[in-house]
Amino acid sequence: MAYPDLRALDNTSISPAWAGIQYGVDANGAVRDVTIVARYGEAAFADTAAASVAESRFLSGSPRTGCYAVFSASASATPARPRPQLKAYKRSGDACEATREALNIPEAKMYPPAYGARKVPGWAILRFDVAPWGLVGNIEVLASQPSDAFGVAARCLVANARPSPPASGCRGCLVPVIYKIPEPAEEDY
């Protein structure tokens, strides 16, 4: 099977193009009767996929009909929505001078599943307390975008953190958790 170079058609939409191609293979292994049976998005995407299938060659043998291949483009990353300043969430009486490094909050790695595949970035702002022995508690999701799913994922992340707080603990720590779409490595193509 010859696979088309679809990079020029990747990252053009958060709802990427795809195409379903039906074809047959004759006794000599040549592809015959290539047809685009389903497609979404740009017609050029489906045309490129069909041309690639037509160039494919298979082992000789019994002829086959009704073969099917599906190709899809990679979704583009949508821009992140603006995040409010942390000072908007400060309360009188909060006493958290610890740095993010001292709080030992890892970078957000687990994407909410419905958003990772569609390359939708997000963020959440959390408030929590840290006991003198390092246990995180009283976690509040103050805001999250583009949906509550990012707040739920960030809450799990913070709940599993193991900070090194000052001897008196920390009260009212404010932390933004940012979910970014990683750039694919060139060797992924």
N, C-alpha and C. Protein backbone atom coordinates (compact mmCIF):
# COMPACT_ATOMS: atom_id res chain seq x y z
N MET A 1 0.86 -1.18 0.00
CA MET A 1 0.00 0.00 0.00
C MET A 1 0.89 1.23 0.00
N ALA A 2 0.64 2.13 -0.89
CA ALA A 2 1.37 3.40 -0.93
C ALA A 2 0.59 4.39 -0.07
N TYR A 3 1.29 5.03 0.85
CA TYR A 3 0.63 6.00 1.72
C TYR A 3 0.92 7.41 1.23
N PRO A 4 -0.10 8.24 1.11
CA PRO A 4 0.10 9.59 0.59
C PRO A 4 0.77 10.48 1.62
N ASP A 5 1.49 11.47 1.15
CA ASP A 5 2.06 12.50 2.02
C ASP A 5 0.98 13.56 2.19
N LEU A 6 0.29 13.52 3.31
CA LEU A 6 -0.84 14.41 3.56
C LEU A 6 -0.49 15.57 4.47
N ARG A 7 0.81 15.77 4.74
CA ARG A 7 1.20 16.83 5.68
C ARG A 7 0.71 18.21 5.26
N ALA A 8 0.65 18.47 3.96
CA ALA A 8 0.17 19.78 3.50
C ALA A 8 -1.30 19.98 3.84
N LEU A 9 -2.03 18.89 4.07
CA LEU A 9 -3.46 18.97 4.38
C LEU A 9 -3.74 18.78 5.87
N ASP A 10 -2.70 18.53 6.66
CA ASP A 10 -2.85 18.41 8.12
C ASP A 10 -3.02 19.79 8.73
N ASN A 11 -3.50 19.80 9.94
CA ASN A 11 -3.55 21.01 10.77
C ASN A 11 -4.29 22.17 10.13
N THR A 12 -5.32 21.87 9.35
CA THR A 12 -6.09 22.94 8.74
C THR A 12 -7.43 23.16 9.42
N SER A 13 -7.82 22.28 10.31
CA SER A 13 -9.12 22.39 10.96
C SER A 13 -9.11 21.58 12.24
N ILE A 14 -9.97 21.96 13.21
CA ILE A 14 -10.10 21.11 14.39
C ILE A 14 -10.99 19.92 14.08
N SER A 15 -11.65 19.96 12.93
CA SER A 15 -12.45 18.84 12.45
C SER A 15 -11.81 18.39 11.14
N PRO A 16 -10.75 17.56 11.21
CA PRO A 16 -9.92 17.30 10.03
C PRO A 16 -10.61 16.47 8.95
N ALA A 17 -10.07 16.60 7.75
CA ALA A 17 -10.58 15.85 6.60
C ALA A 17 -10.27 14.37 6.74
N TRP A 18 -11.11 13.55 6.14
CA TRP A 18 -10.86 12.12 6.06
C TRP A 18 -11.50 11.60 4.77
N ALA A 19 -11.07 10.42 4.36
CA ALA A 19 -11.61 9.82 3.14
C ALA A 19 -11.61 8.31 3.25
N GLY A 20 -12.67 7.70 2.73
CA GLY A 20 -12.77 6.25 2.61
C GLY A 20 -12.65 5.87 1.16
N ILE A 21 -11.70 5.01 0.85
CA ILE A 21 -11.40 4.64 -0.53
C ILE A 21 -11.67 3.15 -0.71
N GLN A 22 -12.47 2.81 -1.72
CA GLN A 22 -12.73 1.41 -2.04
C GLN A 22 -11.98 1.07 -3.33
N TYR A 23 -11.48 -0.16 -3.41
CA TYR A 23 -10.70 -0.54 -4.58
C TYR A 23 -10.70 -2.07 -4.72
N GLY A 24 -10.24 -2.51 -5.85
CA GLY A 24 -10.05 -3.94 -6.10
C GLY A 24 -8.61 -4.20 -6.48
N VAL A 25 -8.21 -5.46 -6.45
CA VAL A 25 -6.85 -5.86 -6.82
C VAL A 25 -6.97 -7.01 -7.81
N ASP A 26 -6.31 -6.88 -8.98
CA ASP A 26 -6.41 -7.95 -9.98
C ASP A 26 -5.41 -9.07 -9.66
N ALA A 27 -5.40 -10.11 -10.47
CA ALA A 27 -4.55 -11.28 -10.23
C ALA A 27 -3.07 -10.95 -10.27
N ASN A 28 -2.68 -9.88 -10.96
CA ASN A 28 -1.27 -9.48 -11.03
C ASN A 28 -0.87 -8.57 -9.88
N GLY A 29 -1.81 -8.19 -9.00
CA GLY A 29 -1.52 -7.31 -7.87
C GLY A 29 -1.71 -5.84 -8.16
N ALA A 30 -2.21 -5.50 -9.34
CA ALA A 30 -2.45 -4.10 -9.69
C ALA A 30 -3.80 -3.66 -9.12
N VAL A 31 -3.86 -2.43 -8.70
CA VAL A 31 -5.09 -1.88 -8.13
C VAL A 31 -6.02 -1.44 -9.26
N ARG A 32 -7.29 -1.74 -9.10
CA ARG A 32 -8.31 -1.42 -10.11
C ARG A 32 -9.52 -0.78 -9.42
N ASP A 33 -10.30 -0.04 -10.18
CA ASP A 33 -11.60 0.48 -9.75
C ASP A 33 -11.53 1.26 -8.43
N VAL A 34 -10.63 2.21 -8.36
CA VAL A 34 -10.49 3.04 -7.16
C VAL A 34 -11.65 4.04 -7.13
N THR A 35 -12.36 4.05 -5.99
CA THR A 35 -13.52 4.93 -5.84
C THR A 35 -13.50 5.57 -4.45
N ILE A 36 -13.76 6.86 -4.41
CA ILE A 36 -13.93 7.54 -3.13
C ILE A 36 -15.38 7.29 -2.71
N VAL A 37 -15.58 6.51 -1.66
CA VAL A 37 -16.94 6.15 -1.26
C VAL A 37 -17.45 7.01 -0.10
N ALA A 38 -16.54 7.65 0.62
CA ALA A 38 -16.95 8.55 1.70
C ALA A 38 -15.84 9.56 1.91
N ARG A 39 -16.24 10.78 2.23
CA ARG A 39 -15.22 11.79 2.50
C ARG A 39 -15.83 12.89 3.35
N TYR A 40 -14.94 13.59 4.03
CA TYR A 40 -15.32 14.76 4.81
C TYR A 40 -14.20 15.78 4.66
N GLY A 41 -14.55 17.02 4.48
CA GLY A 41 -13.54 18.06 4.36
C GLY A 41 -13.14 18.32 2.92
N GLU A 42 -11.91 18.75 2.75
CA GLU A 42 -11.42 19.17 1.44
C GLU A 42 -11.43 18.03 0.42
N ALA A 43 -11.91 18.32 -0.77
CA ALA A 43 -11.92 17.33 -1.85
C ALA A 43 -10.49 16.93 -2.23
N ALA A 44 -9.55 17.86 -2.12
CA ALA A 44 -8.15 17.57 -2.46
C ALA A 44 -7.59 16.47 -1.57
N PHE A 45 -8.04 16.41 -0.34
CA PHE A 45 -7.58 15.36 0.57
C PHE A 45 -7.99 13.99 0.03
N ALA A 46 -9.28 13.84 -0.30
CA ALA A 46 -9.78 12.56 -0.82
C ALA A 46 -9.11 12.21 -2.15
N ASP A 47 -8.91 13.20 -3.00
CA ASP A 47 -8.26 12.95 -4.28
C ASP A 47 -6.83 12.45 -4.10
N THR A 48 -6.10 13.06 -3.17
CA THR A 48 -4.72 12.64 -2.89
C THR A 48 -4.69 11.22 -2.35
N ALA A 49 -5.61 10.90 -1.46
CA ALA A 49 -5.67 9.55 -0.90
C ALA A 49 -5.99 8.52 -1.99
N ALA A 50 -6.95 8.84 -2.85
CA ALA A 50 -7.33 7.92 -3.93
C ALA A 50 -6.18 7.71 -4.91
N ALA A 51 -5.46 8.77 -5.22
CA ALA A 51 -4.31 8.64 -6.14
C ALA A 51 -3.23 7.75 -5.54
N SER A 52 -3.05 7.86 -4.25
CA SER A 52 -2.05 7.02 -3.59
C SER A 52 -2.45 5.54 -3.63
N VAL A 53 -3.72 5.29 -3.36
CA VAL A 53 -4.20 3.90 -3.41
C VAL A 53 -4.03 3.36 -4.83
N ALA A 54 -4.32 4.16 -5.84
CA ALA A 54 -4.19 3.72 -7.23
C ALA A 54 -2.75 3.35 -7.58
N GLU A 55 -1.77 3.96 -6.91
CA GLU A 55 -0.36 3.67 -7.17
C GLU A 55 0.13 2.42 -6.42
N SER A 56 -0.67 1.90 -5.52
CA SER A 56 -0.27 0.75 -4.72
C SER A 56 -0.17 -0.51 -5.57
N ARG A 57 0.65 -1.43 -5.11
CA ARG A 57 0.79 -2.73 -5.76
C ARG A 57 0.81 -3.81 -4.69
N PHE A 58 0.20 -4.94 -5.00
CA PHE A 58 0.10 -6.04 -4.05
C PHE A 58 0.68 -7.30 -4.67
N LEU A 59 0.87 -8.31 -3.87
CA LEU A 59 1.35 -9.60 -4.38
C LEU A 59 0.32 -10.18 -5.33
N SER A 60 0.80 -10.88 -6.34
CA SER A 60 -0.13 -11.52 -7.27
C SER A 60 -0.83 -12.68 -6.56
N GLY A 61 -1.98 -13.03 -7.07
CA GLY A 61 -2.79 -14.10 -6.47
C GLY A 61 -4.22 -13.96 -6.92
N SER A 62 -5.12 -14.40 -6.10
CA SER A 62 -6.54 -14.32 -6.44
C SER A 62 -6.97 -12.86 -6.49
N PRO A 63 -7.78 -12.49 -7.49
CA PRO A 63 -8.28 -11.13 -7.54
C PRO A 63 -9.19 -10.85 -6.33
N ARG A 64 -9.20 -9.60 -5.89
CA ARG A 64 -10.02 -9.21 -4.74
C ARG A 64 -10.82 -7.97 -5.10
N THR A 65 -12.02 -7.89 -4.57
CA THR A 65 -12.85 -6.71 -4.74
C THR A 65 -13.32 -6.26 -3.37
N GLY A 66 -13.80 -5.03 -3.30
CA GLY A 66 -14.35 -4.52 -2.03
C GLY A 66 -13.32 -4.20 -0.98
N CYS A 67 -12.06 -4.01 -1.37
CA CYS A 67 -11.04 -3.61 -0.41
C CYS A 67 -11.31 -2.16 0.01
N TYR A 68 -10.92 -1.80 1.21
CA TYR A 68 -11.27 -0.49 1.74
C TYR A 68 -10.12 0.06 2.56
N ALA A 69 -9.83 1.33 2.39
CA ALA A 69 -8.80 2.01 3.16
C ALA A 69 -9.34 3.36 3.62
N VAL A 70 -8.96 3.77 4.83
CA VAL A 70 -9.39 5.06 5.37
C VAL A 70 -8.15 5.89 5.68
N PHE A 71 -8.19 7.15 5.29
CA PHE A 71 -7.10 8.09 5.56
C PHE A 71 -7.70 9.29 6.29
N SER A 72 -6.95 9.84 7.24
CA SER A 72 -7.45 11.04 7.92
C SER A 72 -6.30 12.00 8.18
N ALA A 73 -6.62 13.27 8.13
CA ALA A 73 -5.64 14.31 8.39
C ALA A 73 -5.51 14.50 9.90
N SER A 74 -4.45 15.11 10.32
CA SER A 74 -4.28 15.47 11.72
C SER A 74 -5.04 16.76 11.98
N ALA A 75 -5.66 16.82 13.14
CA ALA A 75 -6.40 18.03 13.51
C ALA A 75 -5.43 19.15 13.84
N SER A 76 -5.88 20.38 13.65
CA SER A 76 -5.06 21.52 14.04
C SER A 76 -5.34 21.86 15.50
N ALA A 77 -4.36 22.44 16.13
CA ALA A 77 -4.54 22.88 17.51
C ALA A 77 -5.31 24.19 17.51
N THR A 78 -6.30 24.28 18.36
CA THR A 78 -7.04 25.53 18.48
C THR A 78 -6.30 26.42 19.47
N PRO A 79 -6.44 27.72 19.34
CA PRO A 79 -5.76 28.59 20.31
C PRO A 79 -6.39 28.45 21.69
N ALA A 80 -5.56 28.56 22.71
CA ALA A 80 -6.05 28.48 24.08
C ALA A 80 -6.84 29.73 24.41
N ARG A 81 -7.86 29.56 25.21
CA ARG A 81 -8.63 30.72 25.67
C ARG A 81 -7.82 31.46 26.71
N PRO A 82 -8.01 32.77 26.80
CA PRO A 82 -7.22 33.54 27.77
C PRO A 82 -7.51 33.09 29.20
N ARG A 83 -6.47 33.08 29.98
CA ARG A 83 -6.54 32.66 31.38
C ARG A 83 -6.54 33.90 32.26
N PRO A 84 -7.46 33.97 33.25
CA PRO A 84 -7.45 35.14 34.12
C PRO A 84 -6.20 35.17 35.00
N GLN A 85 -5.88 36.35 35.50
CA GLN A 85 -4.73 36.50 36.40
C GLN A 85 -5.03 35.83 37.74
N LEU A 86 -4.02 35.23 38.35
CA LEU A 86 -4.21 34.57 39.64
C LEU A 86 -4.66 35.54 40.72
N LYS A 87 -4.22 36.80 40.63
CA LYS A 87 -4.56 37.77 41.67
C LYS A 87 -6.08 37.97 41.77
N ALA A 88 -6.82 37.64 40.73
CA ALA A 88 -8.27 37.76 40.77
C ALA A 88 -8.89 36.77 41.75
N TYR A 89 -8.14 35.73 42.12
CA TYR A 89 -8.65 34.68 43.01
C TYR A 89 -8.07 34.75 44.42
N LYS A 90 -7.21 35.71 44.69
CA LYS A 90 -6.60 35.83 46.02
C LYS A 90 -7.66 36.20 47.05
N ARG A 91 -7.55 35.60 48.24
CA ARG A 91 -8.43 35.91 49.35
C ARG A 91 -7.60 36.45 50.50
N SER A 92 -8.19 37.28 51.32
CA SER A 92 -7.47 37.71 52.52
C SER A 92 -7.37 36.50 53.44
N GLY A 93 -6.25 36.33 54.06
CA GLY A 93 -6.03 35.19 54.95
C GLY A 93 -5.30 34.03 54.29
N ASP A 94 -5.19 34.04 52.96
CA ASP A 94 -4.42 32.98 52.30
C ASP A 94 -2.95 33.21 52.58
N ALA A 95 -2.25 32.14 52.91
CA ALA A 95 -0.83 32.25 53.25
C ALA A 95 -0.05 31.15 52.55
N CYS A 96 0.21 31.36 51.28
CA CYS A 96 0.99 30.38 50.52
C CYS A 96 2.07 31.13 49.78
N GLU A 97 3.26 31.08 50.33
CA GLU A 97 4.41 31.73 49.70
C GLU A 97 5.28 30.72 48.96
N ALA A 98 4.87 29.47 48.96
CA ALA A 98 5.67 28.41 48.35
C ALA A 98 5.70 28.58 46.83
N THR A 99 6.82 28.24 46.22
CA THR A 99 6.95 28.30 44.77
C THR A 99 6.36 27.03 44.15
N ARG A 100 6.12 27.08 42.87
CA ARG A 100 5.60 25.90 42.17
C ARG A 100 6.56 24.72 42.31
N GLU A 101 7.86 25.02 42.28
CA GLU A 101 8.85 23.96 42.43
C GLU A 101 8.76 23.32 43.82
N ALA A 102 8.59 24.13 44.86
CA ALA A 102 8.47 23.59 46.22
C ALA A 102 7.18 22.80 46.39
N LEU A 103 6.15 23.21 45.67
CA LEU A 103 4.89 22.48 45.74
C LEU A 103 4.95 21.17 44.95
N ASN A 104 5.97 21.03 44.11
CA ASN A 104 6.21 19.79 43.36
C ASN A 104 5.01 19.39 42.51
N ILE A 105 4.40 20.37 41.84
CA ILE A 105 3.28 20.10 40.94
C ILE A 105 3.87 19.77 39.58
N PRO A 106 3.65 18.56 39.09
CA PRO A 106 4.22 18.21 37.78
C PRO A 106 3.49 18.92 36.65
N GLU A 107 4.10 18.93 35.47
CA GLU A 107 3.43 19.48 34.30
C GLU A 107 2.26 18.59 33.94
N ALA A 108 1.23 19.20 33.38
CA ALA A 108 0.03 18.44 32.98
C ALA A 108 0.39 17.49 31.85
N LYS A 109 0.21 16.20 32.08
CA LYS A 109 0.52 15.20 31.07
C LYS A 109 -0.74 14.50 30.55
N MET A 110 -1.67 14.22 31.44
CA MET A 110 -2.88 13.50 31.05
C MET A 110 -3.94 14.46 30.51
N TYR A 111 -4.19 14.38 29.24
CA TYR A 111 -5.20 15.21 28.61
C TYR A 111 -6.58 14.60 28.84
N PRO A 112 -7.61 15.42 29.02
CA PRO A 112 -8.96 14.86 28.97
C PRO A 112 -9.13 14.20 27.60
N PRO A 113 -9.51 12.93 27.55
CA PRO A 113 -9.49 12.17 26.28
C PRO A 113 -10.21 12.83 25.11
N ALA A 114 -11.35 13.41 25.32
CA ALA A 114 -12.11 13.99 24.21
C ALA A 114 -11.41 15.19 23.60
N TYR A 115 -10.50 15.82 24.33
CA TYR A 115 -9.85 17.03 23.85
C TYR A 115 -8.46 16.78 23.28
N GLY A 116 -7.75 15.79 23.79
CA GLY A 116 -6.41 15.50 23.31
C GLY A 116 -6.39 15.10 21.85
N ALA A 117 -7.31 14.24 21.45
CA ALA A 117 -7.35 13.78 20.07
C ALA A 117 -7.71 14.90 19.11
N ARG A 118 -8.45 15.90 19.58
CA ARG A 118 -8.84 17.02 18.72
C ARG A 118 -7.90 18.20 18.86
N LYS A 119 -6.83 18.04 19.63
CA LYS A 119 -5.81 19.07 19.82
C LYS A 119 -6.39 20.37 20.36
N VAL A 120 -7.18 20.27 21.40
CA VAL A 120 -7.78 21.43 22.04
C VAL A 120 -7.02 21.70 23.33
N PRO A 121 -6.31 22.83 23.43
CA PRO A 121 -5.60 23.15 24.66
C PRO A 121 -6.57 23.66 25.72
N GLY A 122 -6.13 23.63 26.95
CA GLY A 122 -6.99 24.12 28.02
C GLY A 122 -6.18 24.49 29.24
N TRP A 123 -6.88 24.90 30.29
CA TRP A 123 -6.23 25.29 31.53
C TRP A 123 -7.23 25.17 32.67
N ALA A 124 -6.69 25.16 33.86
CA ALA A 124 -7.51 25.18 35.07
C ALA A 124 -6.76 25.97 36.13
N ILE A 125 -7.49 26.64 37.00
CA ILE A 125 -6.89 27.34 38.13
C ILE A 125 -7.43 26.68 39.39
N LEU A 126 -6.49 26.26 40.26
CA LEU A 126 -6.87 25.56 41.48
C LEU A 126 -6.36 26.27 42.71
N ARG A 127 -7.11 26.10 43.79
CA ARG A 127 -6.69 26.57 45.11
C ARG A 127 -6.68 25.35 46.02
N PHE A 128 -5.66 25.27 46.87
CA PHE A 128 -5.57 24.12 47.78
C PHE A 128 -4.69 24.48 48.97
N ASP A 129 -4.73 23.63 49.97
CA ASP A 129 -3.90 23.77 51.17
C ASP A 129 -2.91 22.61 51.19
N VAL A 130 -1.79 22.83 51.88
CA VAL A 130 -0.79 21.78 52.05
C VAL A 130 -0.48 21.67 53.54
N ALA A 131 -0.66 20.48 54.09
CA ALA A 131 -0.36 20.24 55.50
C ALA A 131 1.15 20.25 55.71
N PRO A 132 1.61 20.50 56.94
CA PRO A 132 3.05 20.52 57.21
C PRO A 132 3.76 19.22 56.83
N TRP A 133 3.06 18.12 56.82
CA TRP A 133 3.66 16.83 56.46
C TRP A 133 3.56 16.54 54.96
N GLY A 134 3.03 17.49 54.16
CA GLY A 134 3.06 17.38 52.71
C GLY A 134 1.79 16.87 52.05
N LEU A 135 0.72 16.66 52.79
CA LEU A 135 -0.52 16.17 52.20
C LEU A 135 -1.31 17.35 51.62
N VAL A 136 -1.79 17.20 50.39
CA VAL A 136 -2.58 18.24 49.72
C VAL A 136 -4.05 18.01 50.07
N GLY A 137 -4.75 19.09 50.40
CA GLY A 137 -6.17 18.98 50.74
C GLY A 137 -6.93 20.24 50.36
N ASN A 138 -8.25 20.21 50.58
CA ASN A 138 -9.14 21.34 50.29
C ASN A 138 -8.95 21.86 48.86
N ILE A 139 -8.87 20.96 47.91
CA ILE A 139 -8.64 21.35 46.51
C ILE A 139 -9.94 21.91 45.93
N GLU A 140 -9.85 23.10 45.36
CA GLU A 140 -10.98 23.75 44.69
C GLU A 140 -10.58 24.06 43.25
N VAL A 141 -11.44 23.73 42.31
CA VAL A 141 -11.25 24.16 40.93
C VAL A 141 -11.97 25.49 40.80
N LEU A 142 -11.22 26.56 40.64
CA LEU A 142 -11.79 27.90 40.58
C LEU A 142 -12.29 28.27 39.19
N ALA A 143 -11.59 27.78 38.18
CA ALA A 143 -11.99 28.04 36.79
C ALA A 143 -11.29 27.03 35.90
N SER A 144 -11.93 26.69 34.79
CA SER A 144 -11.29 25.82 33.79
C SER A 144 -11.92 26.11 32.44
N GLN A 145 -11.11 25.99 31.41
CA GLN A 145 -11.56 26.21 30.04
C GLN A 145 -10.87 25.22 29.13
N PRO A 146 -11.47 24.74 28.08
CA PRO A 146 -12.78 25.09 27.57
C PRO A 146 -13.92 24.32 28.22
N SER A 147 -13.62 23.38 29.15
CA SER A 147 -14.70 22.69 29.83
C SER A 147 -14.25 22.26 31.22
N ASP A 148 -15.20 21.76 31.98
CA ASP A 148 -14.90 21.26 33.32
C ASP A 148 -13.96 20.06 33.31
N ALA A 149 -13.85 19.37 32.18
CA ALA A 149 -12.97 18.20 32.09
C ALA A 149 -11.52 18.57 32.41
N PHE A 150 -11.09 19.78 32.06
CA PHE A 150 -9.73 20.21 32.37
C PHE A 150 -9.57 20.44 33.87
N GLY A 151 -10.61 20.93 34.52
CA GLY A 151 -10.57 21.10 35.97
C GLY A 151 -10.49 19.78 36.69
N VAL A 152 -11.24 18.78 36.22
CA VAL A 152 -11.21 17.45 36.82
C VAL A 152 -9.82 16.83 36.68
N ALA A 153 -9.23 16.93 35.48
CA ALA A 153 -7.89 16.37 35.25
C ALA A 153 -6.85 17.09 36.11
N ALA A 154 -6.95 18.42 36.21
CA ALA A 154 -6.00 19.19 37.01
C ALA A 154 -6.15 18.87 38.49
N ARG A 155 -7.37 18.66 38.94
CA ARG A 155 -7.61 18.28 40.35
C ARG A 155 -6.90 16.97 40.68
N CYS A 156 -6.99 16.00 39.79
CA CYS A 156 -6.29 14.72 39.99
C CYS A 156 -4.78 14.92 40.03
N LEU A 157 -4.27 15.78 39.17
CA LEU A 157 -2.84 16.06 39.11
C LEU A 157 -2.37 16.65 40.44
N VAL A 158 -3.08 17.65 40.94
CA VAL A 158 -2.69 18.31 42.19
C VAL A 158 -2.86 17.37 43.38
N ALA A 159 -3.91 16.57 43.37
CA ALA A 159 -4.14 15.63 44.47
C ALA A 159 -3.01 14.62 44.61
N ASN A 160 -2.33 14.32 43.52
CA ASN A 160 -1.23 13.35 43.55
C ASN A 160 0.14 13.99 43.75
N ALA A 161 0.19 15.30 43.88
CA ALA A 161 1.46 15.99 44.10
C ALA A 161 1.96 15.70 45.52
N ARG A 162 3.26 15.69 45.68
CA ARG A 162 3.87 15.48 47.00
C ARG A 162 4.81 16.64 47.28
N PRO A 163 4.23 17.76 47.77
CA PRO A 163 5.03 18.96 47.97
C PRO A 163 5.97 18.88 49.17
N SER A 164 6.91 19.80 49.18
CA SER A 164 7.82 20.00 50.30
C SER A 164 7.48 21.36 50.90
N PRO A 165 6.44 21.43 51.73
CA PRO A 165 5.99 22.72 52.25
C PRO A 165 6.84 23.19 53.42
N PRO A 166 6.70 24.47 53.79
CA PRO A 166 7.36 24.94 55.00
C PRO A 166 6.78 24.20 56.21
N ALA A 167 7.47 24.26 57.33
CA ALA A 167 7.06 23.53 58.54
C ALA A 167 5.64 23.88 58.99
N SER A 168 5.19 25.07 58.69
CA SER A 168 3.85 25.48 59.10
C SER A 168 2.78 25.12 58.07
N GLY A 169 3.16 24.53 56.93
CA GLY A 169 2.21 24.22 55.87
C GLY A 169 1.88 25.44 55.04
N CYS A 170 0.92 25.32 54.15
CA CYS A 170 0.52 26.41 53.27
C CYS A 170 -1.00 26.42 53.19
N ARG A 171 -1.57 27.61 53.13
CA ARG A 171 -3.02 27.74 53.02
C ARG A 171 -3.34 28.66 51.84
N GLY A 172 -4.24 28.21 50.98
CA GLY A 172 -4.68 29.05 49.86
C GLY A 172 -3.70 29.13 48.71
N CYS A 173 -3.02 28.05 48.41
CA CYS A 173 -2.09 28.04 47.27
C CYS A 173 -2.90 28.13 45.97
N LEU A 174 -2.49 29.01 45.08
CA LEU A 174 -3.13 29.16 43.77
C LEU A 174 -2.16 28.68 42.70
N VAL A 175 -2.65 27.78 41.85
CA VAL A 175 -1.79 27.22 40.81
C VAL A 175 -2.57 27.11 39.51
N PRO A 176 -2.00 27.63 38.40
CA PRO A 176 -2.60 27.35 37.10
C PRO A 176 -2.02 26.04 36.55
N VAL A 177 -2.86 25.23 35.97
CA VAL A 177 -2.41 24.00 35.31
C VAL A 177 -2.74 24.18 33.83
N ILE A 178 -1.69 24.16 33.00
CA ILE A 178 -1.83 24.46 31.57
C ILE A 178 -1.71 23.16 30.77
N TYR A 179 -2.63 22.95 29.86
CA TYR A 179 -2.61 21.80 28.96
C TYR A 179 -2.29 22.31 27.56
N LYS A 180 -1.07 21.99 27.09
CA LYS A 180 -0.63 22.43 25.76
C LYS A 180 -0.54 21.23 24.84
N ILE A 181 -0.71 21.48 23.57
CA ILE A 181 -0.58 20.45 22.55
C ILE A 181 0.90 20.35 22.18
N PRO A 182 1.52 19.18 22.37
CA PRO A 182 2.93 19.07 21.99
C PRO A 182 3.09 19.05 20.47
N GLU A 183 4.18 19.62 20.01
CA GLU A 183 4.49 19.59 18.58
C GLU A 183 4.96 18.18 18.22
N PRO A 184 4.47 17.61 17.10
CA PRO A 184 4.93 16.28 16.73
C PRO A 184 6.39 16.32 16.27
N ALA A 185 7.11 15.27 16.58
CA ALA A 185 8.50 15.16 16.12
C ALA A 185 8.48 14.84 14.62
N GLU A 186 9.48 15.31 13.91
CA GLU A 186 9.56 15.10 12.46
C GLU A 186 9.55 13.61 12.12
N GLU A 187 10.13 12.77 13.00
CA GLU A 187 10.17 11.34 12.69
C GLU A 187 8.80 10.68 12.86
N ASP A 188 7.80 11.40 13.39
CA ASP A 188 6.45 10.84 13.50
C ASP A 188 5.75 10.77 12.13
N TYR A 189 6.34 11.37 11.10
CA TYR A 189 5.71 11.35 9.79
C TYR A 189 6.22 10.21 8.97
